[in-house]
Amino acid sequence: MGGVQLARGAGASRVQAAKALRLVYYLREDEAADRERSLLWLENFLKRIPAELEALNLASVQVAYFTSISRQEEFEGNIKKVIPLFSITYFITITFSITSCLRFDCVRNKVW
């Protein structure tokens, strides 16, 4: 918990409000069946959390979530979008470098 406000008076050890809360869940991955169930749980979590948060429509609450497969899924999703743009950028960079080194004088020409 972060940004904790304690109750006033005799119950000062009681939490009245908190600005942040972090929940950590450890999943079993000792055996193949456990790994498979853990992966299914993570995939279900990533599908359901955004939908549940949208359904709650809490404007004052911000939720950030991260799982062990979140980064891998982001990379896989970005690869499909980035490769065409990377190819175009690579072509433009090579074209720019060739044209910037091009000279009309045959002696000073350093295109390649």
PDB file of N, CA and C in Angstrom:
ATOM      1  N   MET A   1       0.838  -1.176   0.000  1.00  0.00           N
ATOM      2  CA  MET A   1       0.000   0.000   0.000  1.00  0.00           C
ATOM      3  C   MET A   1       0.884   1.240   0.000  1.00  0.00           C
ATOM      4  N   GLY A   2       0.406   2.260  -0.643  1.00  0.00           N
ATOM      5  CA  GLY A   2       1.137   3.515  -0.682  1.00  0.00           C
ATOM      6  C   GLY A   2       0.205   4.683  -0.430  1.00  0.00           C
ATOM      7  N   GLY A   3       0.734   5.740   0.138  1.00  0.00           N
ATOM      8  CA  GLY A   3      -0.070   6.914   0.449  1.00  0.00           C
ATOM      9  C   GLY A   3      -1.155   6.598   1.463  1.00  0.00           C
ATOM     10  N   VAL A   4      -0.794   5.870   2.495  1.00  0.00           N
ATOM     11  CA  VAL A   4      -1.757   5.372   3.472  1.00  0.00           C
ATOM     12  C   VAL A   4      -2.155   6.469   4.450  1.00  0.00           C
ATOM     13  N   GLN A   5      -3.446   6.540   4.749  1.00  0.00           N
ATOM     14  CA  GLN A   5      -3.970   7.401   5.811  1.00  0.00           C
ATOM     15  C   GLN A   5      -4.558   6.493   6.879  1.00  0.00           C
ATOM     16  N   LEU A   6      -4.090   6.665   8.096  1.00  0.00           N
ATOM     17  CA  LEU A   6      -4.574   5.848   9.204  1.00  0.00           C
ATOM     18  C   LEU A   6      -5.763   6.518   9.871  1.00  0.00           C
ATOM     19  N   ALA A   7      -6.601   5.695  10.479  1.00  0.00           N
ATOM     20  CA  ALA A   7      -7.760   6.216  11.206  1.00  0.00           C
ATOM     21  C   ALA A   7      -7.287   6.992  12.426  1.00  0.00           C
ATOM     22  N   ARG A   8      -8.021   8.015  12.789  1.00  0.00           N
ATOM     23  CA  ARG A   8      -7.661   8.831  13.955  1.00  0.00           C
ATOM     24  C   ARG A   8      -8.218   8.180  15.217  1.00  0.00           C
ATOM     25  N   GLY A   9      -7.592   8.517  16.307  1.00  0.00           N
ATOM     26  CA  GLY A   9      -8.098   8.059  17.599  1.00  0.00           C
ATOM     27  C   GLY A   9      -7.476   6.746  18.031  1.00  0.00           C
ATOM     28  N   ALA A  10      -8.258   5.977  18.778  1.00  0.00           N
ATOM     29  CA  ALA A  10      -7.752   4.743  19.383  1.00  0.00           C
ATOM     30  C   ALA A  10      -7.394   3.694  18.328  1.00  0.00           C
ATOM     31  N   GLY A  11      -8.100   3.663  17.220  1.00  0.00           N
ATOM     32  CA  GLY A  11      -7.825   2.668  16.182  1.00  0.00           C
ATOM     33  C   GLY A  11      -6.824   3.170  15.165  1.00  0.00           C
ATOM     34  N   ALA A  12      -5.719   3.762  15.617  1.00  0.00           N
ATOM     35  CA  ALA A  12      -4.737   4.380  14.722  1.00  0.00           C
ATOM     36  C   ALA A  12      -4.002   3.356  13.872  1.00  0.00           C
ATOM     37  N   SER A  13      -4.108   2.089  14.160  1.00  0.00           N
ATOM     38  CA  SER A  13      -3.443   1.071  13.350  1.00  0.00           C
ATOM     39  C   SER A  13      -4.360   0.596  12.214  1.00  0.00           C
ATOM     40  N   ARG A  14      -5.512   1.193  12.092  1.00  0.00           N
ATOM     41  CA  ARG A  14      -6.469   0.813  11.063  1.00  0.00           C
ATOM     42  C   ARG A  14      -6.324   1.728   9.844  1.00  0.00           C
ATOM     43  N   VAL A  15      -6.282   1.156   8.659  1.00  0.00           N
ATOM     44  CA  VAL A  15      -6.120   1.924   7.423  1.00  0.00           C
ATOM     45  C   VAL A  15      -7.465   2.524   7.029  1.00  0.00           C
ATOM     46  N   GLN A  16      -7.471   3.839   6.848  1.00  0.00           N
ATOM     47  CA  GLN A  16      -8.691   4.526   6.436  1.00  0.00           C
ATOM     48  C   GLN A  16      -8.728   4.705   4.919  1.00  0.00           C
ATOM     49  N   ALA A  17      -7.580   5.012   4.320  1.00  0.00           N
ATOM     50  CA  ALA A  17      -7.509   5.214   2.876  1.00  0.00           C
ATOM     51  C   ALA A  17      -6.094   4.915   2.403  1.00  0.00           C
ATOM     52  N   ALA A  18      -5.978   4.570   1.115  1.00  0.00           N
ATOM     53  CA  ALA A  18      -4.677   4.328   0.501  1.00  0.00           C
ATOM     54  C   ALA A  18      -4.735   4.824  -0.939  1.00  0.00           C
ATOM     55  N   LYS A  19      -3.655   5.442  -1.390  1.00  0.00           N
ATOM     56  CA  LYS A  19      -3.598   5.948  -2.757  1.00  0.00           C
ATOM     57  C   LYS A  19      -3.157   4.872  -3.745  1.00  0.00           C
ATOM     58  N   ALA A  20      -2.429   3.883  -3.261  1.00  0.00           N
ATOM     59  CA  ALA A  20      -1.941   2.831  -4.157  1.00  0.00           C
ATOM     60  C   ALA A  20      -2.011   1.483  -3.459  1.00  0.00           C
ATOM     61  N   LEU A  21      -2.232   0.454  -4.268  1.00  0.00           N
ATOM     62  CA  LEU A  21      -2.286  -0.914  -3.758  1.00  0.00           C
ATOM     63  C   LEU A  21      -1.632  -1.811  -4.796  1.00  0.00           C
ATOM     64  N   ARG A  22      -0.769  -2.670  -4.347  1.00  0.00           N
ATOM     65  CA  ARG A  22      -0.086  -3.591  -5.253  1.00  0.00           C
ATOM     66  C   ARG A  22      -0.406  -5.016  -4.823  1.00  0.00           C
ATOM     67  N   LEU A  23      -0.924  -5.785  -5.772  1.00  0.00           N
ATOM     68  CA  LEU A  23      -1.250  -7.182  -5.515  1.00  0.00           C
ATOM     69  C   LEU A  23      -0.321  -8.054  -6.350  1.00  0.00           C
ATOM     70  N   VAL A  24       0.276  -9.033  -5.721  1.00  0.00           N
ATOM     71  CA  VAL A  24       1.192  -9.941  -6.408  1.00  0.00           C
ATOM     72  C   VAL A  24       0.666 -11.357  -6.243  1.00  0.00           C
ATOM     73  N   TYR A  25       0.564 -12.060  -7.363  1.00  0.00           N
ATOM     74  CA  TYR A  25       0.107 -13.443  -7.347  1.00  0.00           C
ATOM     75  C   TYR A  25       1.221 -14.325  -7.885  1.00  0.00           C
ATOM     76  N   TYR A  26       1.571 -15.345  -7.142  1.00  0.00           N
ATOM     77  CA  TYR A  26       2.580 -16.305  -7.571  1.00  0.00           C
ATOM     78  C   TYR A  26       1.874 -17.561  -8.058  1.00  0.00           C
ATOM     79  N   LEU A  27       2.229 -17.999  -9.250  1.00  0.00           N
ATOM     80  CA  LEU A  27       1.609 -19.172  -9.838  1.00  0.00           C
ATOM     81  C   LEU A  27       2.600 -20.325  -9.849  1.00  0.00           C
ATOM     82  N   ARG A  28       2.081 -21.514  -9.708  1.00  0.00           N
ATOM     83  CA  ARG A  28       2.937 -22.702  -9.732  1.00  0.00           C
ATOM     84  C   ARG A  28       3.383 -23.013 -11.147  1.00  0.00           C
ATOM     85  N   GLU A  29       4.652 -23.359 -11.269  1.00  0.00           N
ATOM     86  CA  GLU A  29       5.189 -23.759 -12.560  1.00  0.00           C
ATOM     87  C   GLU A  29       6.165 -24.913 -12.398  1.00  0.00           C
ATOM     88  N   ASP A  30       5.978 -25.714 -11.347  1.00  0.00           N
ATOM     89  CA  ASP A  30       6.881 -26.827 -11.075  1.00  0.00           C
ATOM     90  C   ASP A  30       6.758 -27.935 -12.118  1.00  0.00           C
ATOM     91  N   GLU A  31       5.542 -28.273 -12.463  1.00  0.00           N
ATOM     92  CA  GLU A  31       5.303 -29.363 -13.410  1.00  0.00           C
ATOM     93  C   GLU A  31       4.664 -28.806 -14.674  1.00  0.00           C
ATOM     94  N   ALA A  32       4.645 -29.631 -15.707  1.00  0.00           N
ATOM     95  CA  ALA A  32       4.111 -29.194 -16.998  1.00  0.00           C
ATOM     96  C   ALA A  32       2.635 -28.821 -16.891  1.00  0.00           C
ATOM     97  N   ALA A  33       1.859 -29.596 -16.140  1.00  0.00           N
ATOM     98  CA  ALA A  33       0.434 -29.300 -15.987  1.00  0.00           C
ATOM     99  C   ALA A  33       0.241 -27.970 -15.256  1.00  0.00           C
ATOM    100  N   ASP A  34       1.071 -27.709 -14.243  1.00  0.00           N
ATOM    101  CA  ASP A  34       0.991 -26.440 -13.516  1.00  0.00           C
ATOM    102  C   ASP A  34       1.349 -25.263 -14.415  1.00  0.00           C
ATOM    103  N   ARG A  35       2.373 -25.437 -15.239  1.00  0.00           N
ATOM    104  CA  ARG A  35       2.770 -24.376 -16.170  1.00  0.00           C
ATOM    105  C   ARG A  35       1.652 -24.072 -17.157  1.00  0.00           C
ATOM    106  N   GLU A  36       1.001 -25.116 -17.635  1.00  0.00           N
ATOM    107  CA  GLU A  36      -0.082 -24.936 -18.595  1.00  0.00           C
ATOM    108  C   GLU A  36      -1.266 -24.204 -17.959  1.00  0.00           C
ATOM    109  N   ARG A  37      -1.632 -24.592 -16.741  1.00  0.00           N
ATOM    110  CA  ARG A  37      -2.724 -23.915 -16.036  1.00  0.00           C
ATOM    111  C   ARG A  37      -2.358 -22.465 -15.725  1.00  0.00           C
ATOM    112  N   SER A  38      -1.115 -22.239 -15.353  1.00  0.00           N
ATOM    113  CA  SER A  38      -0.662 -20.874 -15.071  1.00  0.00           C
ATOM    114  C   SER A  38      -0.735 -20.006 -16.314  1.00  0.00           C
ATOM    115  N   LEU A  39      -0.331 -20.553 -17.444  1.00  0.00           N
ATOM    116  CA  LEU A  39      -0.390 -19.809 -18.704  1.00  0.00           C
ATOM    117  C   LEU A  39      -1.838 -19.485 -19.066  1.00  0.00           C
ATOM    118  N   LEU A  40      -2.739 -20.436 -18.877  1.00  0.00           N
ATOM    119  CA  LEU A  40      -4.156 -20.185 -19.150  1.00  0.00           C
ATOM    120  C   LEU A  40      -4.704 -19.099 -18.222  1.00  0.00           C
ATOM    121  N   TRP A  41      -4.297 -19.135 -16.948  1.00  0.00           N
ATOM    122  CA  TRP A  41      -4.746 -18.124 -15.994  1.00  0.00           C
ATOM    123  C   TRP A  41      -4.257 -16.740 -16.414  1.00  0.00           C
ATOM    124  N   LEU A  42      -2.987 -16.655 -16.820  1.00  0.00           N
ATOM    125  CA  LEU A  42      -2.425 -15.370 -17.248  1.00  0.00           C
ATOM    126  C   LEU A  42      -3.126 -14.835 -18.490  1.00  0.00           C
ATOM    127  N   GLU A  43      -3.373 -15.700 -19.465  1.00  0.00           N
ATOM    128  CA  GLU A  43      -4.053 -15.269 -20.683  1.00  0.00           C
ATOM    129  C   GLU A  43      -5.474 -14.799 -20.381  1.00  0.00           C
ATOM    130  N   ASN A  44      -6.168 -15.530 -19.506  1.00  0.00           N
ATOM    131  CA  ASN A  44      -7.525 -15.138 -19.118  1.00  0.00           C
ATOM    132  C   ASN A  44      -7.498 -13.812 -18.366  1.00  0.00           C
ATOM    133  N   PHE A  45      -6.517 -13.630 -17.500  1.00  0.00           N
ATOM    134  CA  PHE A  45      -6.360 -12.385 -16.755  1.00  0.00           C
ATOM    135  C   PHE A  45      -6.185 -11.210 -17.704  1.00  0.00           C
ATOM    136  N   LEU A  46      -5.302 -11.357 -18.693  1.00  0.00           N
ATOM    137  CA  LEU A  46      -5.041 -10.269 -19.640  1.00  0.00           C
ATOM    138  C   LEU A  46      -6.252  -9.956 -20.517  1.00  0.00           C
ATOM    139  N   LYS A  47      -7.111 -10.939 -20.763  1.00  0.00           N
ATOM    140  CA  LYS A  47      -8.316 -10.696 -21.556  1.00  0.00           C
ATOM    141  C   LYS A  47      -9.418 -10.048 -20.727  1.00  0.00           C
ATOM    142  N   ARG A  48      -9.561 -10.479 -19.493  1.00  0.00           N
ATOM    143  CA  ARG A  48     -10.706 -10.043 -18.688  1.00  0.00           C
ATOM    144  C   ARG A  48     -10.495  -8.718 -17.966  1.00  0.00           C
ATOM    145  N   ILE A  49      -9.294  -8.428 -17.510  1.00  0.00           N
ATOM    146  CA  ILE A  49      -9.072  -7.218 -16.710  1.00  0.00           C
ATOM    147  C   ILE A  49      -9.460  -5.944 -17.464  1.00  0.00           C
ATOM    148  N   PRO A  50      -9.025  -5.731 -18.710  1.00  0.00           N
ATOM    149  CA  PRO A  50      -9.446  -4.496 -19.396  1.00  0.00           C
ATOM    150  C   PRO A  50     -10.962  -4.399 -19.552  1.00  0.00           C
ATOM    151  N   ALA A  51     -11.617  -5.513 -19.861  1.00  0.00           N
ATOM    152  CA  ALA A  51     -13.071  -5.506 -20.027  1.00  0.00           C
ATOM    153  C   ALA A  51     -13.774  -5.209 -18.704  1.00  0.00           C
ATOM    154  N   GLU A  52     -13.294  -5.814 -17.631  1.00  0.00           N
ATOM    155  CA  GLU A  52     -13.900  -5.589 -16.314  1.00  0.00           C
ATOM    156  C   GLU A  52     -13.713  -4.139 -15.873  1.00  0.00           C
ATOM    157  N   LEU A  53     -12.543  -3.584 -16.098  1.00  0.00           N
ATOM    158  CA  LEU A  53     -12.285  -2.199 -15.703  1.00  0.00           C
ATOM    159  C   LEU A  53     -13.141  -1.230 -16.508  1.00  0.00           C
ATOM    160  N   GLU A  54     -13.317  -1.525 -17.779  1.00  0.00           N
ATOM    161  CA  GLU A  54     -14.163  -0.676 -18.617  1.00  0.00           C
ATOM    162  C   GLU A  54     -15.617  -0.759 -18.172  1.00  0.00           C
ATOM    163  N   ALA A  55     -16.062  -1.938 -17.778  1.00  0.00           N
ATOM    164  CA  ALA A  55     -17.437  -2.111 -17.318  1.00  0.00           C
ATOM    165  C   ALA A  55     -17.680  -1.374 -16.007  1.00  0.00           C
ATOM    166  N   LEU A  56     -16.662  -1.302 -15.135  1.00  0.00           N
ATOM    167  CA  LEU A  56     -16.817  -0.605 -13.861  1.00  0.00           C
ATOM    168  C   LEU A  56     -16.908   0.903 -14.039  1.00  0.00           C
ATOM    169  N   ASN A  57     -16.238   1.437 -15.065  1.00  0.00           N
ATOM    170  CA  ASN A  57     -16.265   2.860 -15.395  1.00  0.00           C
ATOM    171  C   ASN A  57     -15.903   3.733 -14.190  1.00  0.00           C
ATOM    172  N   LEU A  58     -14.766   3.440 -13.588  1.00  0.00           N
ATOM    173  CA  LEU A  58     -14.278   4.208 -12.441  1.00  0.00           C
ATOM    174  C   LEU A  58     -13.306   5.270 -12.943  1.00  0.00           C
ATOM    175  N   ALA A  59     -13.741   6.511 -12.994  1.00  0.00           N
ATOM    176  CA  ALA A  59     -12.910   7.590 -13.517  1.00  0.00           C
ATOM    177  C   ALA A  59     -11.793   7.969 -12.556  1.00  0.00           C
ATOM    178  N   SER A  60     -12.016   7.818 -11.269  1.00  0.00           N
ATOM    179  CA  SER A  60     -11.022   8.257 -10.290  1.00  0.00           C
ATOM    180  C   SER A  60      -9.986   7.184  -9.963  1.00  0.00           C
ATOM    181  N   VAL A  61     -10.155   5.986 -10.506  1.00  0.00           N
ATOM    182  CA  VAL A  61      -9.242   4.881 -10.199  1.00  0.00           C
ATOM    183  C   VAL A  61      -8.422   4.551 -11.437  1.00  0.00           C
ATOM    184  N   GLN A  62      -7.101   4.527 -11.278  1.00  0.00           N
ATOM    185  CA  GLN A  62      -6.214   4.117 -12.369  1.00  0.00           C
ATOM    186  C   GLN A  62      -5.646   2.749 -12.035  1.00  0.00           C
ATOM    187  N   VAL A  63      -5.679   1.847 -12.987  1.00  0.00           N
ATOM    188  CA  VAL A  63      -5.191   0.488 -12.776  1.00  0.00           C
ATOM    189  C   VAL A  63      -4.112   0.195 -13.804  1.00  0.00           C
ATOM    190  N   ALA A  64      -2.981  -0.278 -13.328  1.00  0.00           N
ATOM    191  CA  ALA A  64      -1.899  -0.736 -14.200  1.00  0.00           C
ATOM    192  C   ALA A  64      -1.635  -2.195 -13.850  1.00  0.00           C
ATOM    193  N   TYR A  65      -1.545  -3.034 -14.847  1.00  0.00           N
ATOM    194  CA  TYR A  65      -1.323  -4.454 -14.595  1.00  0.00           C
ATOM    195  C   TYR A  65      -0.205  -4.961 -15.491  1.00  0.00           C
ATOM    196  N   PHE A  66       0.496  -5.954 -14.997  1.00  0.00           N
ATOM    197  CA  PHE A  66       1.642  -6.524 -15.701  1.00  0.00           C
ATOM    198  C   PHE A  66       1.743  -7.995 -15.319  1.00  0.00           C
ATOM    199  N   THR A  67       1.984  -8.836 -16.287  1.00  0.00           N
ATOM    200  CA  THR A  67       2.185 -10.263 -16.018  1.00  0.00           C
ATOM    201  C   THR A  67       3.516 -10.692 -16.632  1.00  0.00           C
ATOM    202  N   SER A  68       3.887 -11.914 -16.365  1.00  0.00           N
ATOM    203  CA  SER A  68       5.152 -12.428 -16.893  1.00  0.00           C
ATOM    204  C   SER A  68       5.123 -12.600 -18.406  1.00  0.00           C
ATOM    205  N   ILE A  69       3.936 -12.651 -19.008  1.00  0.00           N
ATOM    206  CA  ILE A  69       3.854 -12.784 -20.469  1.00  0.00           C
ATOM    207  C   ILE A  69       3.440 -11.479 -21.143  1.00  0.00           C
ATOM    208  N   SER A  70       3.227 -10.411 -20.381  1.00  0.00           N
ATOM    209  CA  SER A  70       2.807  -9.135 -20.961  1.00  0.00           C
ATOM    210  C   SER A  70       3.832  -8.595 -21.946  1.00  0.00           C
ATOM    211  N   ARG A  71       5.088  -8.589 -21.554  1.00  0.00           N
ATOM    212  CA  ARG A  71       6.140  -8.047 -22.414  1.00  0.00           C
ATOM    213  C   ARG A  71       6.257  -8.847 -23.703  1.00  0.00           C
ATOM    214  N   GLN A  72       6.184 -10.166 -23.607  1.00  0.00           N
ATOM    215  CA  GLN A  72       6.283 -11.017 -24.791  1.00  0.00           C
ATOM    216  C   GLN A  72       5.127 -10.726 -25.747  1.00  0.00           C
ATOM    217  N   GLU A  73       3.922 -10.583 -25.225  1.00  0.00           N
ATOM    218  CA  GLU A  73       2.777 -10.287 -26.080  1.00  0.00           C
ATOM    219  C   GLU A  73       2.889  -8.911 -26.729  1.00  0.00           C
ATOM    220  N   GLU A  74       3.431  -7.941 -26.006  1.00  0.00           N
ATOM    221  CA  GLU A  74       3.640  -6.612 -26.579  1.00  0.00           C
ATOM    222  C   GLU A  74       4.635  -6.669 -27.731  1.00  0.00           C
ATOM    223  N   PHE A  75       5.742  -7.391 -27.537  1.00  0.00           N
ATOM    224  CA  PHE A  75       6.733  -7.514 -28.608  1.00  0.00           C
ATOM    225  C   PHE A  75       6.134  -8.190 -29.831  1.00  0.00           C
ATOM    226  N   GLU A  76       5.370  -9.251 -29.624  1.00  0.00           N
ATOM    227  CA  GLU A  76       4.767  -9.955 -30.747  1.00  0.00           C
ATOM    228  C   GLU A  76       3.768  -9.067 -31.482  1.00  0.00           C
ATOM    229  N   GLY A  77       3.007  -8.268 -30.739  1.00  0.00           N
ATOM    230  CA  GLY A  77       2.054  -7.358 -31.369  1.00  0.00           C
ATOM    231  C   GLY A  77       2.738  -6.223 -32.108  1.00  0.00           C
ATOM    232  N   ASN A  78       3.830  -5.717 -31.555  1.00  0.00           N
ATOM    233  CA  ASN A  78       4.543  -4.613 -32.190  1.00  0.00           C
ATOM    234  C   ASN A  78       5.305  -5.040 -33.427  1.00  0.00           C
ATOM    235  N   ILE A  79       5.783  -6.275 -33.458  1.00  0.00           N
ATOM    236  CA  ILE A  79       6.544  -6.756 -34.613  1.00  0.00           C
ATOM    237  C   ILE A  79       5.700  -6.677 -35.875  1.00  0.00           C
ATOM    238  N   LYS A  80       4.432  -7.034 -35.769  1.00  0.00           N
ATOM    239  CA  LYS A  80       3.553  -7.017 -36.942  1.00  0.00           C
ATOM    240  C   LYS A  80       3.335  -5.596 -37.461  1.00  0.00           C
ATOM    241  N   LYS A  81       3.402  -4.612 -36.579  1.00  0.00           N
ATOM    242  CA  LYS A  81       3.192  -3.225 -36.982  1.00  0.00           C
ATOM    243  C   LYS A  81       4.485  -2.543 -37.413  1.00  0.00           C
ATOM    244  N   VAL A  82       5.613  -2.939 -36.828  1.00  0.00           N
ATOM    245  CA  VAL A  82       6.865  -2.218 -37.016  1.00  0.00           C
ATOM    246  C   VAL A  82       7.612  -2.647 -38.271  1.00  0.00           C
ATOM    247  N   ILE A  83       7.541  -3.900 -38.661  1.00  0.00           N
ATOM    248  CA  ILE A  83       8.339  -4.396 -39.793  1.00  0.00           C
ATOM    249  C   ILE A  83       8.057  -3.616 -41.082  1.00  0.00           C
ATOM    250  N   PRO A  84       6.810  -3.366 -41.464  1.00  0.00           N
ATOM    251  CA  PRO A  84       6.609  -2.555 -42.685  1.00  0.00           C
ATOM    252  C   PRO A  84       7.185  -1.143 -42.550  1.00  0.00           C
ATOM    253  N   LEU A  85       7.022  -0.534 -41.401  1.00  0.00           N
ATOM    254  CA  LEU A  85       7.561   0.813 -41.194  1.00  0.00           C
ATOM    255  C   LEU A  85       9.087   0.799 -41.188  1.00  0.00           C
ATOM    256  N   PHE A  86       9.672  -0.239 -40.606  1.00  0.00           N
ATOM    257  CA  PHE A  86      11.127  -0.353 -40.587  1.00  0.00           C
ATOM    258  C   PHE A  86      11.672  -0.483 -42.004  1.00  0.00           C
ATOM    259  N   SER A  87      11.013  -1.261 -42.837  1.00  0.00           N
ATOM    260  CA  SER A  87      11.458  -1.432 -44.223  1.00  0.00           C
ATOM    261  C   SER A  87      11.411  -0.112 -44.976  1.00  0.00           C
ATOM    262  N   ILE A  88      10.352   0.638 -44.792  1.00  0.00           N
ATOM    263  CA  ILE A  88      10.226   1.941 -45.464  1.00  0.00           C
ATOM    264  C   ILE A  88      11.306   2.904 -44.968  1.00  0.00           C
ATOM    265  N   THR A  89      11.520   2.932 -43.658  1.00  0.00           N
ATOM    266  CA  THR A  89      12.530   3.814 -43.080  1.00  0.00           C
ATOM    267  C   THR A  89      13.925   3.440 -43.561  1.00  0.00           C
ATOM    268  N   TYR A  90      14.205   2.159 -43.644  1.00  0.00           N
ATOM    269  CA  TYR A  90      15.506   1.686 -44.127  1.00  0.00           C
ATOM    270  C   TYR A  90      15.733   2.142 -45.566  1.00  0.00           C
ATOM    271  N   PHE A  91      14.719   2.007 -46.410  1.00  0.00           N
ATOM    272  CA  PHE A  91      14.824   2.432 -47.803  1.00  0.00           C
ATOM    273  C   PHE A  91      15.046   3.941 -47.898  1.00  0.00           C
ATOM    274  N   ILE A  92      14.320   4.725 -47.122  1.00  0.00           N
ATOM    275  CA  ILE A  92      14.468   6.185 -47.146  1.00  0.00           C
ATOM    276  C   ILE A  92      15.861   6.593 -46.661  1.00  0.00           C
ATOM    277  N   THR A  93      16.377   5.935 -45.633  1.00  0.00           N
ATOM    278  CA  THR A  93      17.702   6.260 -45.109  1.00  0.00           C
ATOM    279  C   THR A  93      18.784   5.969 -46.144  1.00  0.00           C
ATOM    280  N   ILE A  94      18.719   4.836 -46.800  1.00  0.00           N
ATOM    281  CA  ILE A  94      19.711   4.498 -47.832  1.00  0.00           C
ATOM    282  C   ILE A  94      19.621   5.475 -49.000  1.00  0.00           C
ATOM    283  N   THR A  95      18.401   5.793 -49.421  1.00  0.00           N
ATOM    284  CA  THR A  95      18.220   6.747 -50.527  1.00  0.00           C
ATOM    285  C   THR A  95      18.783   8.112 -50.167  1.00  0.00           C
ATOM    286  N   PHE A  96      18.527   8.562 -48.942  1.00  0.00           N
ATOM    287  CA  PHE A  96      19.045   9.847 -48.497  1.00  0.00           C
ATOM    288  C   PHE A  96      20.566   9.854 -48.468  1.00  0.00           C
ATOM    289  N   SER A  97      21.174   8.788 -47.940  1.00  0.00           N
ATOM    290  CA  SER A  97      22.632   8.769 -47.856  1.00  0.00           C
ATOM    291  C   SER A  97      23.271   8.711 -49.242  1.00  0.00           C
ATOM    292  N   ILE A  98      22.668   8.011 -50.189  1.00  0.00           N
ATOM    293  CA  ILE A  98      23.204   7.969 -51.554  1.00  0.00           C
ATOM    294  C   ILE A  98      23.096   9.341 -52.208  1.00  0.00           C
ATOM    295  N   THR A  99      21.936   9.973 -52.102  1.00  0.00           N
ATOM    296  CA  THR A  99      21.760  11.273 -52.742  1.00  0.00           C
ATOM    297  C   THR A  99      22.581  12.374 -52.066  1.00  0.00           C
ATOM    298  N   SER A 100      22.812  12.263 -50.760  1.00  0.00           N
ATOM    299  CA  SER A 100      23.605  13.296 -50.091  1.00  0.00           C
ATOM    300  C   SER A 100      25.089  13.184 -50.436  1.00  0.00           C
ATOM    301  N   CYS A 101      25.549  12.011 -50.831  1.00  0.00           N
ATOM    302  CA  CYS A 101      26.958  11.844 -51.215  1.00  0.00           C
ATOM    303  C   CYS A 101      27.168  11.999 -52.723  1.00  0.00           C
ATOM    304  N   LEU A 102      26.105  12.123 -53.469  1.00  0.00           N
ATOM    305  CA  LEU A 102      26.200  12.226 -54.924  1.00  0.00           C
ATOM    306  C   LEU A 102      26.744  13.591 -55.324  1.00  0.00           C
ATOM    307  N   ARG A 103      27.762  13.591 -56.203  1.00  0.00           N
ATOM    308  CA  ARG A 103      28.350  14.821 -56.737  1.00  0.00           C
ATOM    309  C   ARG A 103      28.359  14.716 -58.265  1.00  0.00           C
ATOM    310  N   PHE A 104      28.326  15.860 -58.895  1.00  0.00           N
ATOM    311  CA  PHE A 104      28.352  15.867 -60.349  1.00  0.00           C
ATOM    312  C   PHE A 104      29.771  15.737 -60.894  1.00  0.00           C
ATOM    313  N   ASP A 105      30.737  15.954 -60.030  1.00  0.00           N
ATOM    314  CA  ASP A 105      32.129  15.799 -60.428  1.00  0.00           C
ATOM    315  C   ASP A 105      32.499  14.315 -60.304  1.00  0.00           C
ATOM    316  N   CYS A 106      32.990  13.738 -61.381  1.00  0.00           N
ATOM    317  CA  CYS A 106      33.300  12.308 -61.390  1.00  0.00           C
ATOM    318  C   CYS A 106      34.421  11.955 -60.421  1.00  0.00           C
ATOM    319  N   VAL A 107      35.347  12.868 -60.138  1.00  0.00           N
ATOM    320  CA  VAL A 107      36.461  12.606 -59.236  1.00  0.00           C
ATOM    321  C   VAL A 107      35.982  12.621 -57.785  1.00  0.00           C
ATOM    322  N   ARG A 108      35.090  13.531 -57.429  1.00  0.00           N
ATOM    323  CA  ARG A 108      34.631  13.669 -56.050  1.00  0.00           C
ATOM    324  C   ARG A 108      33.364  12.857 -55.752  1.00  0.00           C
ATOM    325  N   ASN A 109      32.858  12.170 -56.701  1.00  0.00           N
ATOM    326  CA  ASN A 109      31.643  11.391 -56.527  1.00  0.00           C
ATOM    327  C   ASN A 109      31.894  10.217 -55.550  1.00  0.00           C
ATOM    328  N   LYS A 110      31.152  10.158 -54.450  1.00  0.00           N
ATOM    329  CA  LYS A 110      31.337   9.116 -53.444  1.00  0.00           C
ATOM    330  C   LYS A 110      29.999   8.437 -53.138  1.00  0.00           C
ATOM    331  N   VAL A 111      29.260   8.125 -54.150  1.00  0.00           N
ATOM    332  CA  VAL A 111      27.942   7.546 -53.949  1.00  0.00           C
ATOM    333  C   VAL A 111      28.022   6.231 -53.197  1.00  0.00           C
ATOM    334  N   TRP A 112      28.901   5.351 -53.565  1.00  0.00           N
ATOM    335  CA  TRP A 112      28.954   4.023 -52.942  1.00  0.00           C
ATOM    336  C   TRP A 112      29.956   4.017 -51.808  1.00  0.00           C
TER     337      TRP A 112
END
